[in-house]
Amino acid sequence: MAHDRLFLIDPGFDVSGRDDGPFVCPFCNQIEGLLASFPQLSLDIEVKRVPFARPRADIVTLVGEANQGLPLLILGDNPPADAKQHGDLHFVSDTDRIFELLAERHGFPRLLRPAGQASKVA
């Protein structure tokens, strides 16, 4: 499988005009926790942390300005049918779906959900 690339906001950032930081992105930080708990499973994923400030030039170059929200998982190959596409790249930006794909594609444990509750993403 070609390498998947995961983009997260670099934790501990400040926000212009606010003096109550530093901050973490709540969505990216959830994924950071999973990566930290199972570092051996992330060896075949390229993880990049980028600054909070927009525009995020590296992300815009890859998936377009409208898709620079993070977290972002760019899929190396065999993208699922619900992946978005920009040029030749397939990607997912929904945090719950990223968790599902990390479990399916890289063997991470799944999020515990109440019995019988399916993911909200089909």
PDB file of N, CA and C in Angstrom:
ATOM      1  N   MET A   1       0.852  -1.182   0.000  1.00  0.00           N
ATOM      2  CA  MET A   1       0.000   0.000   0.000  1.00  0.00           C
ATOM      3  C   MET A   1       0.892   1.239   0.000  1.00  0.00           C
ATOM      4  N   ALA A   2       0.588   2.178  -0.857  1.00  0.00           N
ATOM      5  CA  ALA A   2       1.306   3.454  -0.855  1.00  0.00           C
ATOM      6  C   ALA A   2       1.050   4.159   0.469  1.00  0.00           C
ATOM      7  N   HIS A   3       1.974   4.973   0.884  1.00  0.00           N
ATOM      8  CA  HIS A   3       1.860   5.653   2.169  1.00  0.00           C
ATOM      9  C   HIS A   3       0.700   6.631   2.199  1.00  0.00           C
ATOM     10  N   ASP A   4      -0.060   6.544   3.278  1.00  0.00           N
ATOM     11  CA  ASP A   4      -1.063   7.560   3.558  1.00  0.00           C
ATOM     12  C   ASP A   4      -0.338   8.715   4.232  1.00  0.00           C
ATOM     13  N   ARG A   5      -0.863   9.911   4.041  1.00  0.00           N
ATOM     14  CA  ARG A   5      -0.278  11.108   4.665  1.00  0.00           C
ATOM     15  C   ARG A   5      -1.328  11.765   5.544  1.00  0.00           C
ATOM     16  N   LEU A   6      -0.962  12.007   6.782  1.00  0.00           N
ATOM     17  CA  LEU A   6      -1.861  12.599   7.757  1.00  0.00           C
ATOM     18  C   LEU A   6      -1.335  13.973   8.127  1.00  0.00           C
ATOM     19  N   PHE A   7      -2.167  14.978   7.972  1.00  0.00           N
ATOM     20  CA  PHE A   7      -1.795  16.354   8.300  1.00  0.00           C
ATOM     21  C   PHE A   7      -2.568  16.799   9.533  1.00  0.00           C
ATOM     22  N   LEU A   8      -1.827  17.318  10.507  1.00  0.00           N
ATOM     23  CA  LEU A   8      -2.393  17.788  11.763  1.00  0.00           C
ATOM     24  C   LEU A   8      -1.872  19.187  12.057  1.00  0.00           C
ATOM     25  N   ILE A   9      -2.601  19.927  12.874  1.00  0.00           N
ATOM     26  CA  ILE A   9      -2.133  21.245  13.295  1.00  0.00           C
ATOM     27  C   ILE A   9      -1.118  21.047  14.414  1.00  0.00           C
ATOM     28  N   ASP A  10       0.014  21.713  14.281  1.00  0.00           N
ATOM     29  CA  ASP A  10       1.069  21.646  15.278  1.00  0.00           C
ATOM     30  C   ASP A  10       0.510  22.156  16.613  1.00  0.00           C
ATOM     31  N   PRO A  11       0.535  21.315  17.672  1.00  0.00           N
ATOM     32  CA  PRO A  11      -0.063  21.736  18.940  1.00  0.00           C
ATOM     33  C   PRO A  11       0.740  22.837  19.626  1.00  0.00           C
ATOM     34  N   GLY A  12       0.035  23.593  20.468  1.00  0.00           N
ATOM     35  CA  GLY A  12       0.681  24.661  21.217  1.00  0.00           C
ATOM     36  C   GLY A  12       0.782  25.958  20.447  1.00  0.00           C
ATOM     37  N   PHE A  13      -0.223  26.253  19.625  1.00  0.00           N
ATOM     38  CA  PHE A  13      -0.177  27.455  18.795  1.00  0.00           C
ATOM     39  C   PHE A  13      -0.885  28.620  19.475  1.00  0.00           C
ATOM     40  N   ASP A  14      -0.519  29.812  19.055  1.00  0.00           N
ATOM     41  CA  ASP A  14      -1.189  31.033  19.499  1.00  0.00           C
ATOM     42  C   ASP A  14      -2.104  31.519  18.382  1.00  0.00           C
ATOM     43  N   VAL A  15      -3.103  32.287  18.767  1.00  0.00           N
ATOM     44  CA  VAL A  15      -4.056  32.848  17.818  1.00  0.00           C
ATOM     45  C   VAL A  15      -3.947  34.367  17.889  1.00  0.00           C
ATOM     46  N   SER A  16      -3.770  34.977  16.741  1.00  0.00           N
ATOM     47  CA  SER A  16      -3.647  36.430  16.663  1.00  0.00           C
ATOM     48  C   SER A  16      -4.857  37.100  17.310  1.00  0.00           C
ATOM     49  N   GLY A  17      -4.594  38.090  18.152  1.00  0.00           N
ATOM     50  CA  GLY A  17      -5.665  38.825  18.794  1.00  0.00           C
ATOM     51  C   GLY A  17      -6.159  38.205  20.097  1.00  0.00           C
ATOM     52  N   ARG A  18      -5.583  37.077  20.494  1.00  0.00           N
ATOM     53  CA  ARG A  18      -5.980  36.422  21.746  1.00  0.00           C
ATOM     54  C   ARG A  18      -4.756  36.246  22.632  1.00  0.00           C
ATOM     55  N   ASP A  19      -4.949  36.442  23.924  1.00  0.00           N
ATOM     56  CA  ASP A  19      -3.831  36.277  24.847  1.00  0.00           C
ATOM     57  C   ASP A  19      -4.082  35.149  25.847  1.00  0.00           C
ATOM     58  N   ASP A  20      -5.022  34.257  25.541  1.00  0.00           N
ATOM     59  CA  ASP A  20      -5.362  33.173  26.455  1.00  0.00           C
ATOM     60  C   ASP A  20      -4.847  31.813  25.994  1.00  0.00           C
ATOM     61  N   GLY A  21      -3.903  31.801  25.045  1.00  0.00           N
ATOM     62  CA  GLY A  21      -3.330  30.555  24.548  1.00  0.00           C
ATOM     63  C   GLY A  21      -2.145  30.139  25.374  1.00  0.00           C
ATOM     64  N   PRO A  22      -1.421  29.171  24.954  1.00  0.00           N
ATOM     65  CA  PRO A  22      -1.494  28.476  23.671  1.00  0.00           C
ATOM     66  C   PRO A  22      -2.662  27.491  23.599  1.00  0.00           C
ATOM     67  N   PHE A  23      -2.920  27.025  22.353  1.00  0.00           N
ATOM     68  CA  PHE A  23      -4.066  26.183  22.066  1.00  0.00           C
ATOM     69  C   PHE A  23      -3.646  24.887  21.372  1.00  0.00           C
ATOM     70  N   VAL A  24      -4.590  23.945  21.363  1.00  0.00           N
ATOM     71  CA  VAL A  24      -4.491  22.754  20.523  1.00  0.00           C
ATOM     72  C   VAL A  24      -5.797  22.646  19.749  1.00  0.00           C
ATOM     73  N   CYS A  25      -5.741  22.080  18.572  1.00  0.00           N
ATOM     74  CA  CYS A  25      -6.951  21.798  17.798  1.00  0.00           C
ATOM     75  C   CYS A  25      -7.620  20.577  18.443  1.00  0.00           C
ATOM     76  N   PRO A  26      -8.877  20.680  18.862  1.00  0.00           N
ATOM     77  CA  PRO A  26      -9.513  19.540  19.530  1.00  0.00           C
ATOM     78  C   PRO A  26      -9.631  18.304  18.638  1.00  0.00           C
ATOM     79  N   PHE A  27      -9.790  18.486  17.348  1.00  0.00           N
ATOM     80  CA  PHE A  27      -9.926  17.353  16.430  1.00  0.00           C
ATOM     81  C   PHE A  27      -8.571  16.702  16.172  1.00  0.00           C
ATOM     82  N   CYS A  28      -7.567  17.520  15.898  1.00  0.00           N
ATOM     83  CA  CYS A  28      -6.213  16.999  15.662  1.00  0.00           C
ATOM     84  C   CYS A  28      -5.662  16.353  16.930  1.00  0.00           C
ATOM     85  N   ASN A  29      -5.971  16.943  18.086  1.00  0.00           N
ATOM     86  CA  ASN A  29      -5.424  16.421  19.332  1.00  0.00           C
ATOM     87  C   ASN A  29      -5.982  15.035  19.656  1.00  0.00           C
ATOM     88  N   GLN A  30      -7.220  14.746  19.257  1.00  0.00           N
ATOM     89  CA  GLN A  30      -7.769  13.401  19.428  1.00  0.00           C
ATOM     90  C   GLN A  30      -6.914  12.389  18.664  1.00  0.00           C
ATOM     91  N   ILE A  31      -6.560  12.742  17.449  1.00  0.00           N
ATOM     92  CA  ILE A  31      -5.747  11.848  16.624  1.00  0.00           C
ATOM     93  C   ILE A  31      -4.333  11.752  17.177  1.00  0.00           C
ATOM     94  N   GLU A  32      -3.788  12.871  17.677  1.00  0.00           N
ATOM     95  CA  GLU A  32      -2.462  12.854  18.307  1.00  0.00           C
ATOM     96  C   GLU A  32      -2.432  11.838  19.448  1.00  0.00           C
ATOM     97  N   GLY A  33      -3.503  11.772  20.223  1.00  0.00           N
ATOM     98  CA  GLY A  33      -3.573  10.817  21.326  1.00  0.00           C
ATOM     99  C   GLY A  33      -3.497   9.384  20.850  1.00  0.00           C
ATOM    100  N   LEU A  34      -4.192   9.067  19.772  1.00  0.00           N
ATOM    101  CA  LEU A  34      -4.149   7.724  19.207  1.00  0.00           C
ATOM    102  C   LEU A  34      -2.747   7.398  18.692  1.00  0.00           C
ATOM    103  N   LEU A  35      -2.132   8.339  17.984  1.00  0.00           N
ATOM    104  CA  LEU A  35      -0.777   8.116  17.465  1.00  0.00           C
ATOM    105  C   LEU A  35       0.216   7.893  18.606  1.00  0.00           C
ATOM    106  N   ALA A  36       0.079   8.669  19.683  1.00  0.00           N
ATOM    107  CA  ALA A  36       0.993   8.545  20.818  1.00  0.00           C
ATOM    108  C   ALA A  36       0.796   7.221  21.551  1.00  0.00           C
ATOM    109  N   SER A  37      -0.428   6.728  21.579  1.00  0.00           N
ATOM    110  CA  SER A  37      -0.716   5.477  22.270  1.00  0.00           C
ATOM    111  C   SER A  37      -0.235   4.250  21.511  1.00  0.00           C
ATOM    112  N   PHE A  38      -0.147   4.343  20.191  1.00  0.00           N
ATOM    113  CA  PHE A  38       0.234   3.212  19.353  1.00  0.00           C
ATOM    114  C   PHE A  38       1.257   3.644  18.304  1.00  0.00           C
ATOM    115  N   PRO A  39       2.428   4.103  18.745  1.00  0.00           N
ATOM    116  CA  PRO A  39       3.402   4.651  17.787  1.00  0.00           C
ATOM    117  C   PRO A  39       3.865   3.648  16.741  1.00  0.00           C
ATOM    118  N   GLN A  40       3.914   2.378  17.090  1.00  0.00           N
ATOM    119  CA  GLN A  40       4.371   1.380  16.125  1.00  0.00           C
ATOM    120  C   GLN A  40       3.415   1.230  14.941  1.00  0.00           C
ATOM    121  N   LEU A  41       2.146   1.546  15.149  1.00  0.00           N
ATOM    122  CA  LEU A  41       1.162   1.411  14.071  1.00  0.00           C
ATOM    123  C   LEU A  41       1.221   2.570  13.080  1.00  0.00           C
ATOM    124  N   SER A  42       1.846   3.657  13.472  1.00  0.00           N
ATOM    125  CA  SER A  42       1.893   4.823  12.591  1.00  0.00           C
ATOM    126  C   SER A  42       3.155   4.856  11.728  1.00  0.00           C
ATOM    127  N   LEU A  43       3.943   3.800  11.768  1.00  0.00           N
ATOM    128  CA  LEU A  43       5.205   3.810  11.030  1.00  0.00           C
ATOM    129  C   LEU A  43       5.025   3.904   9.518  1.00  0.00           C
ATOM    130  N   ASP A  44       3.915   3.398   8.996  1.00  0.00           N
ATOM    131  CA  ASP A  44       3.710   3.472   7.545  1.00  0.00           C
ATOM    132  C   ASP A  44       2.808   4.631   7.140  1.00  0.00           C
ATOM    133  N   ILE A  45       2.590   5.569   8.063  1.00  0.00           N
ATOM    134  CA  ILE A  45       1.831   6.786   7.777  1.00  0.00           C
ATOM    135  C   ILE A  45       2.808   7.955   7.883  1.00  0.00           C
ATOM    136  N   GLU A  46       2.786   8.804   6.889  1.00  0.00           N
ATOM    137  CA  GLU A  46       3.588  10.030   6.962  1.00  0.00           C
ATOM    138  C   GLU A  46       2.751  11.068   7.703  1.00  0.00           C
ATOM    139  N   VAL A  47       3.230  11.491   8.877  1.00  0.00           N
ATOM    140  CA  VAL A  47       2.506  12.471   9.688  1.00  0.00           C
ATOM    141  C   VAL A  47       3.225  13.804   9.586  1.00  0.00           C
ATOM    142  N   LYS A  48       2.480  14.816   9.185  1.00  0.00           N
ATOM    143  CA  LYS A  48       3.034  16.168   9.080  1.00  0.00           C
ATOM    144  C   LYS A  48       2.210  17.101   9.936  1.00  0.00           C
ATOM    145  N   ARG A  49       2.905  17.913  10.697  1.00  0.00           N
ATOM    146  CA  ARG A  49       2.247  18.918  11.524  1.00  0.00           C
ATOM    147  C   ARG A  49       2.529  20.284  10.913  1.00  0.00           C
ATOM    148  N   VAL A  50       1.474  21.055  10.735  1.00  0.00           N
ATOM    149  CA  VAL A  50       1.602  22.349  10.074  1.00  0.00           C
ATOM    150  C   VAL A  50       1.090  23.448  10.998  1.00  0.00           C
ATOM    151  N   PRO A  51       1.550  24.669  10.790  1.00  0.00           N
ATOM    152  CA  PRO A  51       1.086  25.777  11.625  1.00  0.00           C
ATOM    153  C   PRO A  51      -0.417  26.001  11.493  1.00  0.00           C
ATOM    154  N   PHE A  52      -0.988  26.567  12.531  1.00  0.00           N
ATOM    155  CA  PHE A  52      -2.422  26.859  12.565  1.00  0.00           C
ATOM    156  C   PHE A  52      -2.830  27.910  11.538  1.00  0.00           C
ATOM    157  N   ALA A  53      -2.003  28.915  11.345  1.00  0.00           N
ATOM    158  CA  ALA A  53      -2.371  30.067  10.515  1.00  0.00           C
ATOM    159  C   ALA A  53      -2.723  29.664   9.083  1.00  0.00           C
ATOM    160  N   ARG A  54      -3.730  30.341   8.555  1.00  0.00           N
ATOM    161  CA  ARG A  54      -4.119  30.168   7.153  1.00  0.00           C
ATOM    162  C   ARG A  54      -3.617  31.360   6.371  1.00  0.00           C
ATOM    163  N   PRO A  55      -3.391  31.209   5.094  1.00  0.00           N
ATOM    164  CA  PRO A  55      -3.551  29.986   4.320  1.00  0.00           C
ATOM    165  C   PRO A  55      -2.430  29.004   4.625  1.00  0.00           C
ATOM    166  N   ARG A  56      -2.769  27.749   4.552  1.00  0.00           N
ATOM    167  CA  ARG A  56      -1.815  26.659   4.764  1.00  0.00           C
ATOM    168  C   ARG A  56      -1.326  26.232   3.383  1.00  0.00           C
ATOM    169  N   ALA A  57      -0.289  26.905   2.938  1.00  0.00           N
ATOM    170  CA  ALA A  57       0.156  26.806   1.544  1.00  0.00           C
ATOM    171  C   ALA A  57       0.403  25.370   1.101  1.00  0.00           C
ATOM    172  N   ASP A  58       1.054  24.563   1.932  1.00  0.00           N
ATOM    173  CA  ASP A  58       1.336  23.178   1.541  1.00  0.00           C
ATOM    174  C   ASP A  58       0.052  22.381   1.340  1.00  0.00           C
ATOM    175  N   ILE A  59      -0.931  22.629   2.185  1.00  0.00           N
ATOM    176  CA  ILE A  59      -2.212  21.927   2.077  1.00  0.00           C
ATOM    177  C   ILE A  59      -2.982  22.419   0.854  1.00  0.00           C
ATOM    178  N   VAL A  60      -3.000  23.732   0.657  1.00  0.00           N
ATOM    179  CA  VAL A  60      -3.697  24.310  -0.494  1.00  0.00           C
ATOM    180  C   VAL A  60      -3.129  23.749  -1.790  1.00  0.00           C
ATOM    181  N   THR A  61      -1.817  23.616  -1.869  1.00  0.00           N
ATOM    182  CA  THR A  61      -1.179  23.062  -3.065  1.00  0.00           C
ATOM    183  C   THR A  61      -1.656  21.639  -3.333  1.00  0.00           C
ATOM    184  N   LEU A  62      -1.853  20.872  -2.285  1.00  0.00           N
ATOM    185  CA  LEU A  62      -2.248  19.464  -2.448  1.00  0.00           C
ATOM    186  C   LEU A  62      -3.727  19.280  -2.756  1.00  0.00           C
ATOM    187  N   VAL A  63      -4.605  19.949  -1.976  1.00  0.00           N
ATOM    188  CA  VAL A  63      -6.034  19.655  -2.080  1.00  0.00           C
ATOM    189  C   VAL A  63      -6.919  20.870  -2.327  1.00  0.00           C
ATOM    190  N   GLY A  64      -6.323  22.027  -2.552  1.00  0.00           N
ATOM    191  CA  GLY A  64      -7.100  23.221  -2.863  1.00  0.00           C
ATOM    192  C   GLY A  64      -7.458  24.030  -1.630  1.00  0.00           C
ATOM    193  N   GLU A  65      -7.678  25.311  -1.842  1.00  0.00           N
ATOM    194  CA  GLU A  65      -7.945  26.248  -0.759  1.00  0.00           C
ATOM    195  C   GLU A  65      -9.177  25.875   0.056  1.00  0.00           C
ATOM    196  N   ALA A  66     -10.192  25.370  -0.584  1.00  0.00           N
ATOM    197  CA  ALA A  66     -11.432  25.030   0.116  1.00  0.00           C
ATOM    198  C   ALA A  66     -11.283  23.831   1.048  1.00  0.00           C
ATOM    199  N   ASN A  67     -10.192  23.097   0.909  1.00  0.00           N
ATOM    200  CA  ASN A  67     -10.010  21.870   1.681  1.00  0.00           C
ATOM    201  C   ASN A  67      -8.844  21.939   2.655  1.00  0.00           C
ATOM    202  N   GLN A  68      -8.472  23.124   3.117  1.00  0.00           N
ATOM    203  CA  GLN A  68      -7.297  23.257   3.973  1.00  0.00           C
ATOM    204  C   GLN A  68      -7.591  23.043   5.457  1.00  0.00           C
ATOM    205  N   GLY A  69      -8.827  22.699   5.793  1.00  0.00           N
ATOM    206  CA  GLY A  69      -9.160  22.376   7.178  1.00  0.00           C
ATOM    207  C   GLY A  69      -8.453  21.099   7.611  1.00  0.00           C
ATOM    208  N   LEU A  70      -8.078  21.047   8.886  1.00  0.00           N
ATOM    209  CA  LEU A  70      -7.366  19.892   9.412  1.00  0.00           C
ATOM    210  C   LEU A  70      -8.132  19.329  10.603  1.00  0.00           C
ATOM    211  N   PRO A  71      -8.005  18.028  10.844  1.00  0.00           N
ATOM    212  CA  PRO A  71      -7.073  17.065  10.279  1.00  0.00           C
ATOM    213  C   PRO A  71      -7.455  16.684   8.847  1.00  0.00           C
ATOM    214  N   LEU A  72      -6.474  16.105   8.152  1.00  0.00           N
ATOM    215  CA  LEU A  72      -6.643  15.713   6.765  1.00  0.00           C
ATOM    216  C   LEU A  72      -5.835  14.445   6.525  1.00  0.00           C
ATOM    217  N   LEU A  73      -6.479  13.432   5.981  1.00  0.00           N
ATOM    218  CA  LEU A  73      -5.803  12.184   5.622  1.00  0.00           C
ATOM    219  C   LEU A  73      -5.819  12.063   4.107  1.00  0.00           C
ATOM    220  N   ILE A  74      -4.633  12.109   3.508  1.00  0.00           N
ATOM    221  CA  ILE A  74      -4.509  11.885   2.071  1.00  0.00           C
ATOM    222  C   ILE A  74      -4.190  10.413   1.886  1.00  0.00           C
ATOM    223  N   LEU A  75      -4.986   9.759   1.063  1.00  0.00           N
ATOM    224  CA  LEU A  75      -4.912   8.312   0.909  1.00  0.00           C
ATOM    225  C   LEU A  75      -3.948   7.931  -0.198  1.00  0.00           C
ATOM    226  N   GLY A  76      -3.019   7.035   0.130  1.00  0.00           N
ATOM    227  CA  GLY A  76      -1.997   6.620  -0.822  1.00  0.00           C
ATOM    228  C   GLY A  76      -2.547   5.818  -1.981  1.00  0.00           C
ATOM    229  N   ASP A  77      -3.428   4.892  -1.716  1.00  0.00           N
ATOM    230  CA  ASP A  77      -4.063   4.092  -2.761  1.00  0.00           C
ATOM    231  C   ASP A  77      -5.320   3.451  -2.195  1.00  0.00           C
ATOM    232  N   ASN A  78      -6.079   2.787  -3.048  1.00  0.00           N
ATOM    233  CA  ASN A  78      -7.329   2.136  -2.656  1.00  0.00           C
ATOM    234  C   ASN A  78      -8.231   3.041  -1.814  1.00  0.00           C
ATOM    235  N   PRO A  79      -8.555   4.230  -2.318  1.00  0.00           N
ATOM    236  CA  PRO A  79      -9.402   5.130  -1.520  1.00  0.00           C
ATOM    237  C   PRO A  79     -10.821   4.571  -1.399  1.00  0.00           C
ATOM    238  N   PRO A  80     -11.472   4.825  -0.284  1.00  0.00           N
ATOM    239  CA  PRO A  80     -12.868   4.404  -0.164  1.00  0.00           C
ATOM    240  C   PRO A  80     -13.754   5.272  -1.055  1.00  0.00           C
ATOM    241  N   ALA A  81     -14.930   4.784  -1.316  1.00  0.00           N
ATOM    242  CA  ALA A  81     -15.854   5.477  -2.222  1.00  0.00           C
ATOM    243  C   ALA A  81     -16.254   6.861  -1.707  1.00  0.00           C
ATOM    244  N   ASP A  82     -16.215   7.065  -0.390  1.00  0.00           N
ATOM    245  CA  ASP A  82     -16.644   8.349   0.157  1.00  0.00           C
ATOM    246  C   ASP A  82     -15.516   9.375   0.242  1.00  0.00           C
ATOM    247  N   ALA A  83     -14.324   9.038  -0.230  1.00  0.00           N
ATOM    248  CA  ALA A  83     -13.207   9.993  -0.198  1.00  0.00           C
ATOM    249  C   ALA A  83     -13.465  11.126  -1.177  1.00  0.00           C
ATOM    250  N   LYS A  84     -13.045  12.311  -0.785  1.00  0.00           N
ATOM    251  CA  LYS A  84     -13.100  13.459  -1.687  1.00  0.00           C
ATOM    252  C   LYS A  84     -11.895  13.378  -2.618  1.00  0.00           C
ATOM    253  N   GLN A  85     -11.958  14.112  -3.703  1.00  0.00           N
ATOM    254  CA  GLN A  85     -10.862  14.077  -4.662  1.00  0.00           C
ATOM    255  C   GLN A  85     -10.509  15.488  -5.109  1.00  0.00           C
ATOM    256  N   HIS A  86      -9.195  15.720  -5.245  1.00  0.00           N
ATOM    257  CA  HIS A  86      -8.674  16.963  -5.808  1.00  0.00           C
ATOM    258  C   HIS A  86      -7.538  16.550  -6.738  1.00  0.00           C
ATOM    259  N   GLY A  87      -7.739  16.728  -8.028  1.00  0.00           N
ATOM    260  CA  GLY A  87      -6.768  16.228  -8.991  1.00  0.00           C
ATOM    261  C   GLY A  87      -6.667  14.721  -8.856  1.00  0.00           C
ATOM    262  N   ASP A  88      -5.449  14.208  -8.687  1.00  0.00           N
ATOM    263  CA  ASP A  88      -5.235  12.764  -8.540  1.00  0.00           C
ATOM    264  C   ASP A  88      -5.275  12.304  -7.087  1.00  0.00           C
ATOM    265  N   LEU A  89      -5.400  13.241  -6.149  1.00  0.00           N
ATOM    266  CA  LEU A  89      -5.366  12.884  -4.735  1.00  0.00           C
ATOM    267  C   LEU A  89      -6.757  12.625  -4.176  1.00  0.00           C
ATOM    268  N   HIS A  90      -6.845  11.594  -3.351  1.00  0.00           N
ATOM    269  CA  HIS A  90      -8.074  11.284  -2.617  1.00  0.00           C
ATOM    270  C   HIS A  90      -7.801  11.569  -1.147  1.00  0.00           C
ATOM    271  N   PHE A  91      -8.800  12.136  -0.469  1.00  0.00           N
ATOM    272  CA  PHE A  91      -8.576  12.530   0.917  1.00  0.00           C
ATOM    273  C   PHE A  91      -9.867  12.489   1.720  1.00  0.00           C
ATOM    274  N   VAL A  92      -9.682  12.488   3.035  1.00  0.00           N
ATOM    275  CA  VAL A  92     -10.783  12.511   3.984  1.00  0.00           C
ATOM    276  C   VAL A  92     -10.441  13.558   5.040  1.00  0.00           C
ATOM    277  N   SER A  93     -11.418  14.375   5.410  1.00  0.00           N
ATOM    278  CA  SER A  93     -11.172  15.406   6.416  1.00  0.00           C
ATOM    279  C   SER A  93     -12.090  15.291   7.630  1.00  0.00           C
ATOM    280  N   ASP A  94     -13.032  14.375   7.624  1.00  0.00           N
ATOM    281  CA  ASP A  94     -13.912  14.163   8.763  1.00  0.00           C
ATOM    282  C   ASP A  94     -13.162  13.353   9.822  1.00  0.00           C
ATOM    283  N   THR A  95     -13.068  13.877  11.041  1.00  0.00           N
ATOM    284  CA  THR A  95     -12.272  13.247  12.087  1.00  0.00           C
ATOM    285  C   THR A  95     -12.735  11.825  12.375  1.00  0.00           C
ATOM    286  N   ASP A  96     -14.042  11.604  12.510  1.00  0.00           N
ATOM    287  CA  ASP A  96     -14.535  10.248  12.777  1.00  0.00           C
ATOM    288  C   ASP A  96     -14.165   9.285  11.650  1.00  0.00           C
ATOM    289  N   ARG A  97     -14.265   9.761  10.432  1.00  0.00           N
ATOM    290  CA  ARG A  97     -13.919   8.900   9.289  1.00  0.00           C
ATOM    291  C   ARG A  97     -12.410   8.624   9.264  1.00  0.00           C
ATOM    292  N   ILE A  98     -11.604   9.600   9.642  1.00  0.00           N
ATOM    293  CA  ILE A  98     -10.159   9.377   9.714  1.00  0.00           C
ATOM    294  C   ILE A  98      -9.867   8.277  10.734  1.00  0.00           C
ATOM    295  N   PHE A  99     -10.522   8.312  11.891  1.00  0.00           N
ATOM    296  CA  PHE A  99     -10.334   7.245  12.877  1.00  0.00           C
ATOM    297  C   PHE A  99     -10.687   5.883  12.293  1.00  0.00           C
ATOM    298  N   GLU A 100     -11.800   5.811  11.580  1.00  0.00           N
ATOM    299  CA  GLU A 100     -12.209   4.544  10.961  1.00  0.00           C
ATOM    300  C   GLU A 100     -11.160   4.060   9.969  1.00  0.00           C
ATOM    301  N   LEU A 101     -10.660   4.957   9.156  1.00  0.00           N
ATOM    302  CA  LEU A 101      -9.673   4.568   8.140  1.00  0.00           C
ATOM    303  C   LEU A 101      -8.336   4.197   8.770  1.00  0.00           C
ATOM    304  N   LEU A 102      -7.960   4.840   9.860  1.00  0.00           N
ATOM    305  CA  LEU A 102      -6.730   4.439  10.553  1.00  0.00           C
ATOM    306  C   LEU A 102      -6.865   3.017  11.090  1.00  0.00           C
ATOM    307  N   ALA A 103      -8.054   2.658  11.553  1.00  0.00           N
ATOM    308  CA  ALA A 103      -8.293   1.290  12.014  1.00  0.00           C
ATOM    309  C   ALA A 103      -8.276   0.306  10.840  1.00  0.00           C
ATOM    310  N   GLU A 104      -8.995   0.614   9.780  1.00  0.00           N
ATOM    311  CA  GLU A 104      -9.106  -0.285   8.628  1.00  0.00           C
ATOM    312  C   GLU A 104      -7.783  -0.453   7.885  1.00  0.00           C
ATOM    313  N   ARG A 105      -7.075   0.637   7.678  1.00  0.00           N
ATOM    314  CA  ARG A 105      -5.899   0.625   6.809  1.00  0.00           C
ATOM    315  C   ARG A 105      -4.585   0.384   7.555  1.00  0.00           C
ATOM    316  N   HIS A 106      -4.566   0.686   8.872  1.00  0.00           N
ATOM    317  CA  HIS A 106      -3.293   0.638   9.599  1.00  0.00           C
ATOM    318  C   HIS A 106      -3.351  -0.143  10.906  1.00  0.00           C
ATOM    319  N   GLY A 107      -4.496  -0.727  11.220  1.00  0.00           N
ATOM    320  CA  GLY A 107      -4.596  -1.593  12.382  1.00  0.00           C
ATOM    321  C   GLY A 107      -4.748  -0.907  13.727  1.00  0.00           C
ATOM    322  N   PHE A 108      -5.041   0.390  13.735  1.00  0.00           N
ATOM    323  CA  PHE A 108      -5.281   1.064  15.008  1.00  0.00           C
ATOM    324  C   PHE A 108      -6.572   0.525  15.626  1.00  0.00           C
ATOM    325  N   PRO A 109      -6.671   0.536  16.952  1.00  0.00           N
ATOM    326  CA  PRO A 109      -7.938   0.154  17.581  1.00  0.00           C
ATOM    327  C   PRO A 109      -9.056   1.106  17.148  1.00  0.00           C
ATOM    328  N   ARG A 110     -10.256   0.575  17.141  1.00  0.00           N
ATOM    329  CA  ARG A 110     -11.430   1.382  16.786  1.00  0.00           C
ATOM    330  C   ARG A 110     -11.911   2.166  17.997  1.00  0.00           C
ATOM    331  N   LEU A 111     -12.620   3.246  17.744  1.00  0.00           N
ATOM    332  CA  LEU A 111     -13.243   4.003  18.827  1.00  0.00           C
ATOM    333  C   LEU A 111     -14.401   3.188  19.387  1.00  0.00           C
ATOM    334  N   LEU A 112     -14.526   3.157  20.692  1.00  0.00           N
ATOM    335  CA  LEU A 112     -15.634   2.467  21.340  1.00  0.00           C
ATOM    336  C   LEU A 112     -16.902   3.288  21.177  1.00  0.00           C
ATOM    337  N   ARG A 113     -17.900   2.667  20.615  1.00  0.00           N
ATOM    338  CA  ARG A 113     -19.194   3.313  20.427  1.00  0.00           C
ATOM    339  C   ARG A 113     -20.244   2.431  21.109  1.00  0.00           C
ATOM    340  N   PRO A 114     -21.368   3.012  21.494  1.00  0.00           N
ATOM    341  CA  PRO A 114     -22.427   2.175  22.089  1.00  0.00           C
ATOM    342  C   PRO A 114     -22.786   1.029  21.140  1.00  0.00           C
ATOM    343  N   ALA A 115     -23.090  -0.136  21.718  1.00  0.00           N
ATOM    344  CA  ALA A 115     -23.432  -1.315  20.923  1.00  0.00           C
ATOM    345  C   ALA A 115     -24.546  -0.985  19.935  1.00  0.00           C
ATOM    346  N   GLY A 116     -24.351  -1.402  18.714  1.00  0.00           N
ATOM    347  CA  GLY A 116     -25.335  -1.184  17.668  1.00  0.00           C
ATOM    348  C   GLY A 116     -25.284   0.171  17.009  1.00  0.00           C
ATOM    349  N   GLN A 117     -24.471   1.082  17.530  1.00  0.00           N
ATOM    350  CA  GLN A 117     -24.366   2.414  16.919  1.00  0.00           C
ATOM    351  C   GLN A 117     -23.317   2.373  15.835  1.00  0.00           C
ATOM    352  N   ALA A 118     -23.748   2.621  14.628  1.00  0.00           N
ATOM    353  CA  ALA A 118     -22.820   2.679  13.499  1.00  0.00           C
ATOM    354  C   ALA A 118     -22.202   4.065  13.453  1.00  0.00           C
ATOM    355  N   SER A 119     -21.121   4.158  12.743  1.00  0.00           N
ATOM    356  CA  SER A 119     -20.505   5.453  12.525  1.00  0.00           C
ATOM    357  C   SER A 119     -21.498   6.339  11.800  1.00  0.00           C
ATOM    358  N   LYS A 120     -21.393   7.637  12.039  1.00  0.00           N
ATOM    359  CA  LYS A 120     -22.293   8.571  11.356  1.00  0.00           C
ATOM    360  C   LYS A 120     -21.878   8.814   9.917  1.00  0.00           C
ATOM    361  N   VAL A 121     -20.722   8.287   9.522  1.00  0.00           N
ATOM    362  CA  VAL A 121     -20.265   8.432   8.148  1.00  0.00           C
ATOM    363  C   VAL A 121     -20.431   7.090   7.442  1.00  0.00           C
ATOM    364  N   ALA A 122     -21.106   7.071   6.309  1.00  0.00           N
ATOM    365  CA  ALA A 122     -21.306   5.813   5.580  1.00  0.00           C
ATOM    366  C   ALA A 122     -20.107   5.476   4.746  1.00  0.00           C
TER     367      ALA A 122
END
